[in-house]
Protein backbone atom coordinates (compact mmCIF):
# COMPACT_ATOMS: atom_id res chain seq x y z
CA UNK A 1 183.19 -90.74 27.23
CA UNK A 2 179.79 -92.15 28.06
CA UNK A 3 177.97 -88.97 27.06
CA UNK A 4 175.94 -89.21 23.89
CA UNK A 5 177.33 -85.98 22.43
CA UNK A 6 180.72 -84.57 23.39
CA UNK A 7 181.75 -80.96 22.81
CA UNK A 8 185.18 -79.59 23.69
CA UNK A 9 186.55 -76.12 24.27
CA UNK A 10 189.48 -75.14 22.04
CA UNK A 11 191.82 -75.18 25.02
CA UNK A 12 190.75 -78.66 26.19
CA UNK A 13 193.33 -81.34 26.79
CA UNK A 14 192.11 -84.93 26.94
CA UNK A 15 194.10 -87.91 28.06
CA UNK A 16 193.60 -91.45 29.22
CA UNK A 17 196.70 -91.36 31.40
CA UNK A 18 195.96 -94.46 33.46
CA UNK A 19 198.92 -96.49 32.15
CA UNK A 20 201.23 -93.57 32.97
CA UNK A 21 200.07 -93.84 36.58
CA UNK A 22 200.44 -97.60 36.93
CA UNK A 23 196.76 -98.51 36.65
CA UNK A 24 194.52 -99.70 33.84
CA UNK A 25 191.87 -97.58 32.11
CA UNK A 26 188.58 -97.38 34.00
CA UNK A 27 184.98 -96.28 33.52
CA UNK A 28 184.55 -98.66 30.57
CA UNK A 29 187.23 -96.85 28.55
CA UNK A 30 188.45 -100.11 27.00
CA UNK A 31 184.90 -100.96 25.93
CA UNK A 32 183.79 -97.53 24.72
CA UNK A 33 186.91 -96.22 23.00
CA UNK A 34 187.20 -98.90 20.28
CA UNK A 35 183.51 -98.41 19.47
CA UNK A 36 183.91 -94.65 19.21
CA UNK A 37 187.26 -94.24 17.49
CA UNK A 38 188.24 -97.68 16.20
CA UNK A 39 190.68 -100.19 17.62
CA UNK A 40 193.91 -98.63 16.33
CA UNK A 41 193.15 -95.15 17.66
CA UNK A 42 191.81 -96.54 20.93
CA UNK A 43 194.97 -98.59 21.36
CA UNK A 44 197.14 -95.55 20.64
CA UNK A 45 195.34 -93.44 23.21
CA UNK A 46 194.88 -96.08 25.91
CA UNK A 47 198.30 -97.73 25.60
CA UNK A 48 200.37 -94.53 25.46
CA UNK A 49 198.41 -92.38 27.90
CA UNK A 50 199.24 -89.45 25.63
CA UNK A 51 197.32 -86.22 26.11
CA UNK A 52 195.70 -84.77 22.98
CA UNK A 53 194.45 -81.27 22.33
CA UNK A 54 190.89 -80.50 21.28
CA UNK A 55 191.61 -80.51 17.53
CA UNK A 56 193.27 -83.92 17.71
CA UNK A 57 190.40 -85.20 19.88
CA UNK A 58 188.05 -84.03 17.13
CA UNK A 59 190.15 -85.72 14.43
CA UNK A 60 190.20 -88.95 16.47
CA UNK A 61 186.42 -88.85 16.94
CA UNK A 62 186.54 -88.45 20.72
CA UNK A 63 184.50 -85.25 20.48
CA UNK A 64 181.95 -84.24 17.89
CA UNK A 65 182.67 -80.52 17.88
CA UNK A 66 185.27 -78.01 19.11
CA UNK A 67 184.11 -74.52 20.02
CA UNK A 68 185.85 -71.42 21.38
CA UNK A 69 186.31 -71.63 25.15
CA UNK A 70 183.78 -68.89 25.90
CA UNK A 71 181.17 -70.65 23.74
CA UNK A 72 181.39 -74.12 25.32
CA UNK A 73 178.57 -73.82 27.86
CA UNK A 74 176.32 -71.73 25.56
CA UNK A 75 176.91 -74.26 22.74
CA UNK A 76 176.09 -77.20 25.00
CA UNK A 77 172.97 -75.49 26.28
CA UNK A 78 171.87 -74.57 22.76
CA UNK A 79 172.31 -78.18 21.62
CA UNK A 80 170.36 -79.48 24.63
CA UNK A 81 167.62 -76.91 24.01
CA UNK A 82 167.41 -77.92 20.36
CA UNK A 83 166.96 -81.56 21.32
CA UNK A 84 164.39 -80.69 23.99
CA UNK A 85 162.46 -78.32 21.75
CA UNK A 86 162.65 -79.92 18.31
CA UNK A 87 162.68 -83.67 18.84
CA UNK A 88 160.20 -86.24 20.07
CA UNK A 89 161.42 -87.66 23.42
CA UNK A 90 160.38 -91.24 22.66
CA UNK A 91 161.98 -91.13 19.21
CA UNK A 92 165.23 -89.85 20.74
CA UNK A 93 165.14 -92.53 23.45
CA UNK A 94 164.62 -95.29 20.87
CA UNK A 95 167.30 -93.88 18.55
CA UNK A 96 169.75 -93.76 21.47
CA UNK A 97 168.87 -97.31 22.46
CA UNK A 98 169.34 -98.48 18.87
CA UNK A 99 172.69 -96.69 18.54
CA UNK A 100 174.13 -98.48 21.55
CA UNK A 101 172.47 -101.83 20.88
CA UNK A 102 173.52 -101.85 17.21
CA UNK A 103 177.13 -101.10 18.19
CA UNK A 104 177.45 -104.69 19.38
CA UNK A 105 175.01 -106.37 16.99
CA UNK A 106 176.78 -108.76 14.64
CA UNK A 107 173.72 -110.25 12.96
CA UNK A 108 172.72 -108.01 10.02
CA UNK A 109 169.31 -109.67 9.72
CA UNK A 110 168.55 -109.04 13.40
CA UNK A 111 169.72 -105.43 13.06
CA UNK A 112 167.54 -104.94 9.99
CA UNK A 113 164.54 -106.52 11.72
CA UNK A 114 164.92 -104.40 14.84
CA UNK A 115 165.45 -101.23 12.79
CA UNK A 116 162.36 -101.95 10.67
CA UNK A 117 160.24 -102.78 13.73
CA UNK A 118 161.28 -99.58 15.48
CA UNK A 119 160.60 -97.50 12.37
CA UNK A 120 157.19 -99.09 11.78
CA UNK A 121 156.22 -98.83 15.44
CA UNK A 122 157.25 -95.18 15.75
CA UNK A 123 155.39 -94.32 12.55
CA UNK A 124 152.14 -95.62 14.03
CA UNK A 125 152.38 -93.57 17.23
CA UNK A 126 150.75 -90.24 18.17
CA UNK A 127 154.07 -88.37 18.05
CA UNK A 128 154.55 -89.30 14.38
CA UNK A 129 151.16 -87.87 13.51
CA UNK A 130 151.91 -84.76 15.59
CA UNK A 131 155.33 -84.31 13.98
CA UNK A 132 153.85 -84.33 10.47
CA UNK A 133 150.93 -82.10 11.48
CA UNK A 134 153.26 -79.58 13.15
CA UNK A 135 155.50 -79.51 10.07
CA UNK A 136 152.57 -78.95 7.69
CA UNK A 137 151.05 -76.31 9.97
CA UNK A 138 154.48 -74.64 10.43
CA UNK A 139 154.30 -74.70 14.22
CA UNK A 140 156.32 -76.27 17.02
CA UNK A 141 155.30 -79.86 17.76
CA UNK A 142 153.49 -80.76 20.99
CA UNK A 143 154.80 -84.21 21.85
CA UNK A 144 152.50 -86.30 24.05
CA UNK A 145 154.58 -89.45 24.48
CA UNK A 146 157.15 -89.97 27.24
CA UNK A 147 160.05 -92.47 27.43
CA UNK A 148 159.10 -93.28 31.03
CA UNK A 149 155.83 -94.84 29.91
CA UNK A 150 155.65 -95.18 26.11
CA UNK A 151 158.59 -97.26 24.86
CA UNK A 152 157.75 -100.33 22.74
CA UNK A 153 157.83 -103.74 24.42
CA UNK A 154 160.15 -105.24 21.81
CA UNK A 155 163.11 -103.14 22.99
CA UNK A 156 164.93 -105.20 25.56
CA UNK A 157 167.83 -103.80 27.56
CA UNK A 158 170.97 -103.64 25.37
CA UNK A 159 173.00 -106.86 25.30
CA UNK A 160 170.34 -108.73 27.26
CA UNK A 161 167.14 -110.52 26.38
CA UNK A 162 168.26 -111.61 22.93
């Protein structure tokens, strides 16, 4: 559940069966599930331990896409390749950070400020210029920035440093 994007094969069966085995959900299931699928659906899945098929998992929001069994690995690889080839690594890292940080942000003004700061900052960076240039020149972008060294200082670890 902690993956950013979740694909499922048509034959997949997904269950949070912990309560059917006499233990409580683990691996942050009680924290992640309400954020992904809402409290009522999370409660239904975590309190019953019921197993759902891929289509129901899609309807619940547990997975983002269901593909034929034989296409699962090729689909996952194609999605990963698209991200690696078409997106700026620092922009993806910041967007991911914002997604998870905003999930617990209750102050709309703080969320708006952080969103605006991130947008302004990213727009002033070399990758933004390269992205526009590559688009206008109809060529693949050559990103120069790396998340390991080029993230903005104003991003603190999620849920800390507020």
